[in-house]
Amino acid sequence: MLPETTSNTVASVAHNLLYKFYPNVDTLRDYLYLIVEGFSSILEKDYGASNETLQELDALLRSTLVGHHEPLAPPRFRSLPPEMSQEEAIDRAQLVIFKTLRGKNNNVLCFGYRQAEQKNEFGKLGAQRGAIANFFTNTMVTALQSPAWRLLLQM
C-alpha cells in the first residue's frame, strides 16, 4: 500500500506545482480529448500492441499531467499517419538543437549527448557531418521511445 500512497503524493505535488504556473491542469488523456478531433483512448484499430503495452499506454494517459492556459479558440488537431519514426524525429530534433546551440546541450533531449568529433566516436548510425554521440543514457529520450509513446503517436 505504501507505493500507491507515495504515487498519489507525488501526483498531488506535481498537480499543485503545475497549478502555480497554469490555470488548467488535466491528465494527458483529457487534454488530448480537448485538442485532437475524434480522439479516443480506446483503440479501435489493431496496432499489434501487446496487452502490456496497452496497459502502459493507459497508465501514461491517466498519470501524465498537462498544465495549459485556456485558449480563446481551442485548437483542434486531427490524427495523421506518421511521416517518420519517433527515433528519427528525436534524432533530427537533437541535431537541430546542437546546430542552433553550437554544441551546448541545454535541452533535455540532448542531455547525455555531445558532438561526435573524437576519433573513436562514430555518432548515431547513418549520421554524417555534425553527428552526435551518446555518452550516457538520457531517460527522457528512452521514455519517448517506449512502446506506449509509439502507440500513442499512432492513435
N, C-alpha and C. Protein backbone atom coordinates (compact mmCIF):
# COMPACT_ATOMS: atom_id res chain seq x y z
N MET A 1 0.81 -1.20 0.00
CA MET A 1 0.00 0.00 0.00
C MET A 1 0.86 1.26 0.00
N LEU A 2 2.06 1.20 0.50
CA LEU A 2 2.93 2.37 0.56
C LEU A 2 3.24 2.94 -0.82
N PRO A 3 3.60 2.11 -1.83
CA PRO A 3 3.88 2.69 -3.15
C PRO A 3 2.70 3.47 -3.72
N GLU A 4 1.48 2.96 -3.50
CA GLU A 4 0.31 3.66 -4.02
C GLU A 4 0.15 5.02 -3.34
N THR A 5 0.35 5.07 -2.04
CA THR A 5 0.28 6.33 -1.30
C THR A 5 1.36 7.28 -1.77
N THR A 6 2.57 6.75 -1.93
CA THR A 6 3.68 7.57 -2.42
C THR A 6 3.38 8.10 -3.80
N SER A 7 2.82 7.26 -4.66
CA SER A 7 2.46 7.67 -6.01
C SER A 7 1.42 8.78 -5.99
N ASN A 8 0.42 8.63 -5.12
CA ASN A 8 -0.62 9.66 -5.01
C ASN A 8 -0.04 10.96 -4.49
N THR A 9 0.90 10.88 -3.55
CA THR A 9 1.54 12.07 -3.01
C THR A 9 2.34 12.78 -4.10
N VAL A 10 3.08 12.02 -4.89
CA VAL A 10 3.87 12.59 -5.99
C VAL A 10 2.95 13.26 -7.00
N ALA A 11 1.85 12.58 -7.35
CA ALA A 11 0.89 13.15 -8.30
C ALA A 11 0.28 14.44 -7.74
N SER A 12 -0.01 14.44 -6.45
CA SER A 12 -0.59 15.62 -5.81
C SER A 12 0.40 16.79 -5.82
N VAL A 13 1.66 16.50 -5.54
CA VAL A 13 2.70 17.54 -5.56
C VAL A 13 2.84 18.09 -6.98
N ALA A 14 2.89 17.20 -7.97
CA ALA A 14 3.02 17.63 -9.36
C ALA A 14 1.81 18.47 -9.77
N HIS A 15 0.63 18.03 -9.38
CA HIS A 15 -0.61 18.75 -9.70
C HIS A 15 -0.58 20.15 -9.09
N ASN A 16 -0.22 20.25 -7.82
CA ASN A 16 -0.16 21.55 -7.15
C ASN A 16 0.90 22.46 -7.77
N LEU A 17 2.03 21.88 -8.15
CA LEU A 17 3.10 22.66 -8.78
C LEU A 17 2.64 23.22 -10.12
N LEU A 18 2.00 22.38 -10.93
CA LEU A 18 1.51 22.84 -12.23
C LEU A 18 0.47 23.95 -12.06
N TYR A 19 -0.39 23.82 -11.04
CA TYR A 19 -1.42 24.84 -10.79
C TYR A 19 -0.82 26.20 -10.44
N LYS A 20 0.40 26.22 -9.94
CA LYS A 20 1.04 27.50 -9.63
C LYS A 20 1.39 28.28 -10.89
N PHE A 21 1.59 27.55 -12.01
CA PHE A 21 2.01 28.18 -13.26
C PHE A 21 0.93 28.19 -14.34
N TYR A 22 -0.05 27.30 -14.23
CA TYR A 22 -1.09 27.18 -15.26
C TYR A 22 -2.47 27.16 -14.61
N PRO A 23 -3.44 27.82 -15.23
CA PRO A 23 -4.78 27.83 -14.65
C PRO A 23 -5.52 26.50 -14.82
N ASN A 24 -5.09 25.69 -15.77
CA ASN A 24 -5.75 24.40 -16.03
C ASN A 24 -4.73 23.28 -15.96
N VAL A 25 -5.10 22.21 -15.27
CA VAL A 25 -4.26 21.01 -15.20
C VAL A 25 -5.16 19.82 -15.48
N ASP A 26 -4.82 19.08 -16.52
CA ASP A 26 -5.59 17.90 -16.92
C ASP A 26 -4.66 16.72 -17.09
N THR A 27 -5.24 15.53 -17.13
CA THR A 27 -4.44 14.36 -17.49
C THR A 27 -4.18 14.46 -19.00
N LEU A 28 -3.17 13.76 -19.46
CA LEU A 28 -2.86 13.76 -20.89
C LEU A 28 -4.07 13.27 -21.68
N ARG A 29 -4.77 12.28 -21.15
CA ARG A 29 -5.96 11.73 -21.81
C ARG A 29 -7.02 12.82 -22.01
N ASP A 30 -7.34 13.56 -20.94
CA ASP A 30 -8.35 14.61 -21.04
C ASP A 30 -7.90 15.75 -21.94
N TYR A 31 -6.62 16.08 -21.88
CA TYR A 31 -6.09 17.15 -22.73
C TYR A 31 -6.18 16.77 -24.21
N LEU A 32 -5.86 15.52 -24.52
CA LEU A 32 -5.96 15.07 -25.92
C LEU A 32 -7.41 15.08 -26.40
N TYR A 33 -8.36 14.75 -25.52
CA TYR A 33 -9.78 14.87 -25.88
C TYR A 33 -10.12 16.30 -26.26
N LEU A 34 -9.51 17.26 -25.57
CA LEU A 34 -9.77 18.68 -25.84
C LEU A 34 -9.23 19.13 -27.20
N ILE A 35 -8.02 18.70 -27.54
CA ILE A 35 -7.35 19.29 -28.71
C ILE A 35 -7.30 18.41 -29.95
N VAL A 36 -7.53 17.11 -29.83
CA VAL A 36 -7.45 16.24 -31.01
C VAL A 36 -8.84 15.81 -31.42
N GLU A 37 -9.19 16.17 -32.63
CA GLU A 37 -10.50 15.85 -33.17
C GLU A 37 -10.71 14.34 -33.21
N GLY A 38 -11.78 13.87 -32.58
CA GLY A 38 -12.11 12.45 -32.62
C GLY A 38 -11.18 11.56 -31.81
N PHE A 39 -10.43 12.12 -30.86
CA PHE A 39 -9.51 11.31 -30.07
C PHE A 39 -10.28 10.32 -29.21
N SER A 40 -9.80 9.10 -29.18
CA SER A 40 -10.36 8.08 -28.31
C SER A 40 -9.21 7.27 -27.74
N SER A 41 -9.22 7.09 -26.42
CA SER A 41 -8.17 6.29 -25.82
C SER A 41 -8.46 4.80 -25.94
N ILE A 42 -9.65 4.48 -26.48
CA ILE A 42 -9.99 3.09 -26.75
C ILE A 42 -9.52 2.79 -28.16
N LEU A 43 -8.65 1.81 -28.27
CA LEU A 43 -8.07 1.51 -29.58
C LEU A 43 -9.07 0.76 -30.45
N GLU A 44 -9.52 1.42 -31.50
CA GLU A 44 -10.44 0.80 -32.44
C GLU A 44 -9.67 0.03 -33.50
N LYS A 45 -8.48 0.50 -33.81
CA LYS A 45 -7.64 -0.18 -34.79
C LYS A 45 -6.76 -1.19 -34.08
N ASP A 46 -6.34 -2.20 -34.82
CA ASP A 46 -5.40 -3.16 -34.27
C ASP A 46 -3.99 -2.71 -34.62
N TYR A 47 -3.28 -2.19 -33.65
CA TYR A 47 -1.92 -1.73 -33.88
C TYR A 47 -0.90 -2.83 -33.60
N GLY A 48 -1.38 -4.02 -33.28
CA GLY A 48 -0.46 -5.11 -32.99
C GLY A 48 0.25 -4.94 -31.67
N ALA A 49 -0.33 -4.19 -30.76
CA ALA A 49 0.31 -3.93 -29.46
C ALA A 49 -0.04 -5.04 -28.48
N SER A 50 0.92 -5.36 -27.64
CA SER A 50 0.70 -6.37 -26.61
C SER A 50 -0.18 -5.79 -25.50
N ASN A 51 -0.76 -6.66 -24.69
CA ASN A 51 -1.58 -6.20 -23.56
C ASN A 51 -0.75 -5.34 -22.61
N GLU A 52 0.52 -5.71 -22.44
CA GLU A 52 1.41 -4.94 -21.56
C GLU A 52 1.58 -3.51 -22.08
N THR A 53 1.77 -3.37 -23.40
CA THR A 53 1.92 -2.04 -23.99
C THR A 53 0.63 -1.24 -23.86
N LEU A 54 -0.51 -1.90 -24.04
CA LEU A 54 -1.80 -1.22 -23.89
C LEU A 54 -2.00 -0.73 -22.46
N GLN A 55 -1.58 -1.53 -21.48
CA GLN A 55 -1.67 -1.12 -20.08
C GLN A 55 -0.73 0.05 -19.79
N GLU A 56 0.48 0.00 -20.37
CA GLU A 56 1.43 1.11 -20.21
C GLU A 56 0.86 2.40 -20.81
N LEU A 57 0.23 2.27 -21.98
CA LEU A 57 -0.39 3.44 -22.62
C LEU A 57 -1.50 4.01 -21.75
N ASP A 58 -2.34 3.15 -21.21
CA ASP A 58 -3.43 3.61 -20.35
C ASP A 58 -2.87 4.33 -19.12
N ALA A 59 -1.83 3.77 -18.52
CA ALA A 59 -1.20 4.40 -17.35
C ALA A 59 -0.59 5.74 -17.74
N LEU A 60 0.05 5.80 -18.91
CA LEU A 60 0.65 7.05 -19.40
C LEU A 60 -0.42 8.13 -19.57
N LEU A 61 -1.53 7.77 -20.20
CA LEU A 61 -2.61 8.73 -20.45
C LEU A 61 -3.26 9.22 -19.17
N ARG A 62 -3.37 8.36 -18.18
CA ARG A 62 -4.06 8.72 -16.93
C ARG A 62 -3.14 9.37 -15.90
N SER A 63 -1.83 9.10 -15.98
CA SER A 63 -0.93 9.62 -14.94
C SER A 63 -0.15 10.86 -15.36
N THR A 64 -0.03 11.10 -16.66
CA THR A 64 0.71 12.27 -17.12
C THR A 64 -0.16 13.51 -17.00
N LEU A 65 0.38 14.53 -16.38
CA LEU A 65 -0.36 15.78 -16.20
C LEU A 65 0.10 16.82 -17.20
N VAL A 66 -0.84 17.61 -17.69
CA VAL A 66 -0.55 18.68 -18.65
C VAL A 66 -1.09 19.98 -18.08
N GLY A 67 -0.20 20.95 -17.91
CA GLY A 67 -0.62 22.28 -17.49
C GLY A 67 -0.80 23.15 -18.73
N HIS A 68 -1.90 23.89 -18.80
CA HIS A 68 -2.14 24.70 -20.00
C HIS A 68 -3.03 25.90 -19.68
N HIS A 69 -2.94 26.88 -20.56
CA HIS A 69 -3.82 28.05 -20.50
C HIS A 69 -5.02 27.76 -21.39
N GLU A 70 -6.14 28.31 -21.06
CA GLU A 70 -7.35 28.13 -21.87
C GLU A 70 -7.25 29.03 -23.09
N PRO A 71 -7.14 28.46 -24.29
CA PRO A 71 -7.06 29.30 -25.49
C PRO A 71 -8.43 29.93 -25.80
N LEU A 72 -8.40 31.07 -26.51
CA LEU A 72 -9.65 31.72 -26.89
C LEU A 72 -10.48 30.80 -27.77
N ALA A 73 -9.85 30.21 -28.75
CA ALA A 73 -10.49 29.21 -29.59
C ALA A 73 -9.64 27.95 -29.47
N PRO A 74 -10.15 26.91 -28.82
CA PRO A 74 -9.33 25.72 -28.63
C PRO A 74 -8.82 25.16 -29.96
N PRO A 75 -7.53 24.88 -30.03
CA PRO A 75 -7.00 24.30 -31.27
C PRO A 75 -7.57 22.90 -31.46
N ARG A 76 -7.84 22.56 -32.68
CA ARG A 76 -8.34 21.21 -32.98
C ARG A 76 -7.40 20.59 -33.99
N PHE A 77 -6.80 19.51 -33.61
CA PHE A 77 -5.90 18.79 -34.49
C PHE A 77 -6.57 17.49 -34.89
N ARG A 78 -6.12 16.94 -35.99
CA ARG A 78 -6.62 15.62 -36.37
C ARG A 78 -5.42 14.71 -36.56
N SER A 79 -5.66 13.46 -36.32
CA SER A 79 -4.59 12.48 -36.39
C SER A 79 -4.25 12.17 -37.85
N LEU A 80 -2.97 12.14 -38.14
CA LEU A 80 -2.47 11.80 -39.48
C LEU A 80 -1.45 10.68 -39.36
N PRO A 81 -1.26 9.91 -40.41
CA PRO A 81 -0.23 8.86 -40.34
C PRO A 81 1.15 9.50 -40.19
N PRO A 82 2.04 8.87 -39.43
CA PRO A 82 3.37 9.46 -39.23
C PRO A 82 4.20 9.49 -40.51
N GLU A 83 4.97 10.57 -40.66
CA GLU A 83 5.86 10.70 -41.81
C GLU A 83 7.24 10.15 -41.51
N MET A 84 7.55 10.01 -40.22
CA MET A 84 8.84 9.46 -39.81
C MET A 84 8.66 8.77 -38.47
N SER A 85 9.63 7.94 -38.12
CA SER A 85 9.56 7.23 -36.85
C SER A 85 9.86 8.17 -35.69
N GLN A 86 9.49 7.74 -34.51
CA GLN A 86 9.76 8.52 -33.30
C GLN A 86 11.27 8.72 -33.13
N GLU A 87 12.05 7.67 -33.38
CA GLU A 87 13.50 7.76 -33.25
C GLU A 87 14.08 8.80 -34.21
N GLU A 88 13.59 8.79 -35.45
CA GLU A 88 14.08 9.74 -36.45
C GLU A 88 13.71 11.17 -36.07
N ALA A 89 12.51 11.37 -35.54
CA ALA A 89 12.09 12.71 -35.12
C ALA A 89 12.98 13.21 -33.98
N ILE A 90 13.29 12.34 -33.03
CA ILE A 90 14.16 12.72 -31.91
C ILE A 90 15.57 13.01 -32.42
N ASP A 91 16.08 12.14 -33.31
CA ASP A 91 17.42 12.36 -33.87
C ASP A 91 17.51 13.71 -34.57
N ARG A 92 16.51 14.02 -35.39
CA ARG A 92 16.51 15.30 -36.11
C ARG A 92 16.43 16.48 -35.16
N ALA A 93 15.58 16.36 -34.15
CA ALA A 93 15.44 17.44 -33.17
C ALA A 93 16.77 17.67 -32.45
N GLN A 94 17.44 16.58 -32.07
CA GLN A 94 18.73 16.71 -31.39
C GLN A 94 19.76 17.40 -32.29
N LEU A 95 19.80 17.03 -33.56
CA LEU A 95 20.76 17.66 -34.48
C LEU A 95 20.48 19.15 -34.63
N VAL A 96 19.20 19.51 -34.76
CA VAL A 96 18.84 20.92 -34.90
C VAL A 96 19.23 21.69 -33.63
N ILE A 97 18.95 21.10 -32.48
CA ILE A 97 19.30 21.75 -31.21
C ILE A 97 20.80 21.95 -31.10
N PHE A 98 21.58 20.92 -31.44
CA PHE A 98 23.04 21.04 -31.36
C PHE A 98 23.56 22.09 -32.33
N LYS A 99 22.97 22.16 -33.53
CA LYS A 99 23.42 23.16 -34.51
C LYS A 99 23.09 24.57 -34.05
N THR A 100 21.88 24.77 -33.52
CA THR A 100 21.49 26.12 -33.12
C THR A 100 22.18 26.56 -31.83
N LEU A 101 22.50 25.62 -30.97
CA LEU A 101 23.17 25.97 -29.71
C LEU A 101 24.68 25.78 -29.78
N ARG A 102 25.18 25.49 -30.98
CA ARG A 102 26.62 25.31 -31.22
C ARG A 102 27.25 24.31 -30.26
N GLY A 103 26.62 23.15 -30.13
CA GLY A 103 27.19 22.07 -29.34
C GLY A 103 26.84 22.08 -27.87
N LYS A 104 26.20 23.12 -27.40
CA LYS A 104 25.80 23.16 -25.99
C LYS A 104 24.51 22.36 -25.84
N ASN A 105 24.47 21.52 -24.84
CA ASN A 105 23.27 20.69 -24.67
C ASN A 105 22.41 21.21 -23.53
N ASN A 106 21.74 22.33 -23.77
CA ASN A 106 20.88 22.95 -22.77
C ASN A 106 19.43 22.48 -22.88
N ASN A 107 19.17 21.44 -23.64
CA ASN A 107 17.82 20.94 -23.84
C ASN A 107 17.76 19.51 -23.31
N VAL A 108 16.64 19.14 -22.67
CA VAL A 108 16.54 17.80 -22.07
C VAL A 108 16.71 16.68 -23.09
N LEU A 109 16.37 16.92 -24.35
CA LEU A 109 16.57 15.89 -25.38
C LEU A 109 18.05 15.65 -25.66
N CYS A 110 18.90 16.60 -25.30
CA CYS A 110 20.33 16.49 -25.62
C CYS A 110 21.20 16.11 -24.43
N PHE A 111 20.61 15.98 -23.24
CA PHE A 111 21.41 15.57 -22.09
C PHE A 111 21.99 14.18 -22.37
N GLY A 112 23.28 14.02 -22.15
CA GLY A 112 23.93 12.73 -22.37
C GLY A 112 24.51 12.59 -23.76
N TYR A 113 24.37 13.62 -24.59
CA TYR A 113 24.90 13.58 -25.96
C TYR A 113 25.94 14.67 -26.13
N ARG A 114 26.84 14.48 -27.09
CA ARG A 114 27.83 15.51 -27.44
C ARG A 114 28.20 15.33 -28.90
N GLN A 115 28.87 16.33 -29.45
CA GLN A 115 29.34 16.25 -30.84
C GLN A 115 30.29 15.06 -30.99
N ALA A 116 30.12 14.28 -32.03
CA ALA A 116 30.97 13.10 -32.27
C ALA A 116 32.18 13.53 -33.07
N GLU A 117 33.12 14.18 -32.40
CA GLU A 117 34.29 14.69 -33.09
C GLU A 117 35.57 13.95 -32.71
N GLN A 118 35.52 13.16 -31.66
CA GLN A 118 36.71 12.44 -31.24
C GLN A 118 36.89 11.19 -32.08
N LYS A 119 38.12 10.67 -32.14
CA LYS A 119 38.47 9.57 -33.04
C LYS A 119 37.59 8.33 -32.94
N ASN A 120 37.30 7.87 -31.76
CA ASN A 120 36.56 6.62 -31.60
C ASN A 120 35.06 6.82 -31.40
N GLU A 121 34.56 7.98 -31.70
CA GLU A 121 33.12 8.22 -31.60
C GLU A 121 32.52 8.23 -33.00
N PHE A 122 31.61 7.33 -33.22
CA PHE A 122 31.01 7.20 -34.55
C PHE A 122 29.70 7.96 -34.67
N GLY A 123 29.15 8.40 -33.59
CA GLY A 123 27.87 9.10 -33.65
C GLY A 123 26.74 8.13 -33.91
N LYS A 124 25.60 8.67 -34.21
CA LYS A 124 24.44 7.82 -34.47
C LYS A 124 24.60 7.13 -35.81
N LEU A 125 24.05 5.93 -35.89
CA LEU A 125 24.14 5.13 -37.10
C LEU A 125 23.62 5.91 -38.30
N GLY A 126 24.40 5.97 -39.36
CA GLY A 126 23.98 6.65 -40.57
C GLY A 126 24.15 8.15 -40.53
N ALA A 127 24.61 8.67 -39.42
CA ALA A 127 24.79 10.12 -39.32
C ALA A 127 26.04 10.54 -40.09
N GLN A 128 26.00 11.74 -40.62
CA GLN A 128 27.14 12.23 -41.38
C GLN A 128 27.79 13.36 -40.62
N ARG A 129 28.20 14.39 -41.31
CA ARG A 129 28.84 15.53 -40.69
C ARG A 129 27.97 16.14 -39.60
N GLY A 130 28.56 16.49 -38.50
CA GLY A 130 27.79 17.09 -37.40
C GLY A 130 27.08 16.06 -36.54
N ALA A 131 27.53 14.80 -36.62
CA ALA A 131 26.87 13.74 -35.85
C ALA A 131 27.05 13.96 -34.36
N ILE A 132 26.12 13.40 -33.60
CA ILE A 132 26.24 13.46 -32.15
C ILE A 132 26.38 12.05 -31.60
N ALA A 133 27.06 11.92 -30.48
CA ALA A 133 27.30 10.62 -29.85
C ALA A 133 26.68 10.62 -28.46
N ASN A 134 26.20 9.46 -28.07
CA ASN A 134 25.60 9.28 -26.75
C ASN A 134 26.68 8.80 -25.79
N PHE A 135 26.90 9.53 -24.69
CA PHE A 135 27.90 9.07 -23.73
C PHE A 135 27.30 8.68 -22.39
N PHE A 136 26.02 8.94 -22.14
CA PHE A 136 25.29 8.31 -21.05
C PHE A 136 23.81 8.34 -21.37
N THR A 137 23.06 7.46 -20.72
CA THR A 137 21.65 7.28 -21.03
C THR A 137 20.83 8.51 -20.66
N ASN A 138 20.02 8.95 -21.60
CA ASN A 138 19.08 10.04 -21.37
C ASN A 138 17.71 9.39 -21.16
N THR A 139 17.23 9.36 -19.92
CA THR A 139 15.98 8.67 -19.62
C THR A 139 14.76 9.34 -20.27
N MET A 140 14.86 10.63 -20.58
CA MET A 140 13.76 11.31 -21.26
C MET A 140 13.61 10.75 -22.68
N VAL A 141 14.72 10.59 -23.37
CA VAL A 141 14.70 10.03 -24.73
C VAL A 141 14.23 8.59 -24.67
N THR A 142 14.73 7.83 -23.69
CA THR A 142 14.32 6.43 -23.54
C THR A 142 12.81 6.34 -23.34
N ALA A 143 12.25 7.21 -22.51
CA ALA A 143 10.80 7.20 -22.26
C ALA A 143 10.02 7.53 -23.53
N LEU A 144 10.50 8.51 -24.30
CA LEU A 144 9.81 8.90 -25.53
C LEU A 144 9.86 7.80 -26.59
N GLN A 145 10.82 6.89 -26.47
CA GLN A 145 10.94 5.80 -27.44
C GLN A 145 10.29 4.51 -26.94
N SER A 146 9.57 4.59 -25.83
CA SER A 146 8.92 3.40 -25.27
C SER A 146 7.75 2.97 -26.16
N PRO A 147 7.36 1.70 -26.07
CA PRO A 147 6.23 1.22 -26.87
C PRO A 147 4.94 2.01 -26.62
N ALA A 148 4.71 2.45 -25.38
CA ALA A 148 3.48 3.20 -25.08
C ALA A 148 3.45 4.53 -25.83
N TRP A 149 4.58 5.26 -25.87
CA TRP A 149 4.63 6.53 -26.60
C TRP A 149 4.47 6.29 -28.10
N ARG A 150 5.10 5.24 -28.61
CA ARG A 150 4.95 4.93 -30.04
C ARG A 150 3.50 4.66 -30.39
N LEU A 151 2.82 3.91 -29.52
CA LEU A 151 1.42 3.59 -29.75
C LEU A 151 0.56 4.86 -29.68
N LEU A 152 0.85 5.72 -28.72
CA LEU A 152 0.12 6.99 -28.60
C LEU A 152 0.24 7.80 -29.88
N LEU A 153 1.42 7.83 -30.47
CA LEU A 153 1.63 8.61 -31.69
C LEU A 153 0.94 8.00 -32.90
N GLN A 154 0.57 6.73 -32.83
CA GLN A 154 -0.15 6.09 -33.93
C GLN A 154 -1.65 6.33 -33.85
N MET A 155 -2.12 6.78 -32.70
CA MET A 155 -3.57 6.93 -32.49
C MET A 155 -4.12 8.13 -33.25
